[in-house]
Protein backbone atom coordinates (compact mmCIF):
# COMPACT_ATOMS: atom_id res chain seq x y z
CA UNK A 1 95.99 96.16 82.36
CA UNK A 2 97.73 92.90 83.13
CA UNK A 3 99.06 94.27 86.40
CA UNK A 4 95.50 95.09 87.45
CA UNK A 5 94.22 91.62 86.50
CA UNK A 6 97.04 89.84 88.34
CA UNK A 7 96.64 92.08 91.41
CA UNK A 8 92.90 91.48 91.47
CA UNK A 9 93.28 87.70 91.18
CA UNK A 10 95.87 87.60 93.94
CA UNK A 11 93.60 89.69 96.14
CA UNK A 12 90.53 87.52 95.56
CA UNK A 13 92.47 84.32 96.18
CA UNK A 14 94.12 85.62 99.33
CA UNK A 15 91.17 87.30 101.09
CA UNK A 16 89.69 84.18 102.73
CA UNK A 17 93.10 83.36 104.16
CA UNK A 18 94.12 86.82 105.29
CA UNK A 19 93.92 85.84 108.97
CA UNK A 20 96.56 83.17 108.40
CA UNK A 21 100.06 83.25 107.01
CA UNK A 22 99.91 82.01 103.43
CA UNK A 23 102.06 81.82 100.34
CA UNK A 24 100.74 83.11 97.03
CA UNK A 25 102.71 82.15 93.93
CA UNK A 26 102.32 82.15 90.20
CA UNK A 27 103.68 83.22 86.86
CA UNK A 28 102.98 86.55 85.18
CA UNK A 29 102.55 86.24 81.41
CA UNK A 30 101.75 88.63 78.57
CA UNK A 31 98.98 88.30 75.99
CA UNK A 32 101.16 85.90 73.98
CA UNK A 33 101.77 83.63 77.01
CA UNK A 34 105.40 84.79 77.34
CA UNK A 35 106.65 85.13 80.91
CA UNK A 36 107.25 88.71 82.09
CA UNK A 37 110.54 89.07 83.88
CA UNK A 38 110.96 91.59 86.70
CA UNK A 39 107.24 92.53 86.78
CA UNK A 40 105.95 93.95 90.08
CA UNK A 41 103.31 91.93 91.91
CA UNK A 42 101.62 93.32 95.02
CA UNK A 43 98.77 92.16 97.22
CA UNK A 44 95.96 94.67 97.63
CA UNK A 45 93.82 95.19 100.73
CA UNK A 46 90.06 94.70 100.54
CA UNK A 47 89.63 98.45 99.97
CA UNK A 48 92.00 98.33 96.99
CA UNK A 49 94.90 99.99 98.79
CA UNK A 50 98.41 98.48 98.41
CA UNK A 51 99.79 96.36 101.23
CA UNK A 52 103.39 95.79 102.25
CA UNK A 53 103.31 92.39 100.55
CA UNK A 54 104.90 92.61 97.14
CA UNK A 55 107.71 91.15 95.03
CA UNK A 56 109.17 91.22 91.53
CA UNK A 57 109.00 88.23 89.23
CA UNK A 58 112.20 86.40 88.33
CA UNK A 59 113.54 85.96 84.80
CA UNK A 60 110.94 83.23 84.18
CA UNK A 61 108.00 85.40 85.33
CA UNK A 62 107.63 83.43 88.58
CA UNK A 63 106.76 85.11 91.89
CA UNK A 64 106.10 83.97 95.44
CA UNK A 65 104.68 86.16 98.21
CA UNK A 66 104.66 84.94 101.81
CA UNK A 67 102.22 86.73 104.12
CA UNK A 68 101.99 86.69 107.88
CA UNK A 69 99.01 86.77 110.18
């Protein structure tokens, strides 16, 4: 469920900027606010299909995805 929520938020935030190269970053946490290490984070296209933009979080739950135009 958390993967879906994070993916949806990243998608909504990134859509207005999809014509430009942007950086999306954040921290993935569980329901107890603990960082999730090595979680997969991927941007989704407007139709919900996966894109080639994706990374794994580090040991502190942090991720950074750089997109191109």
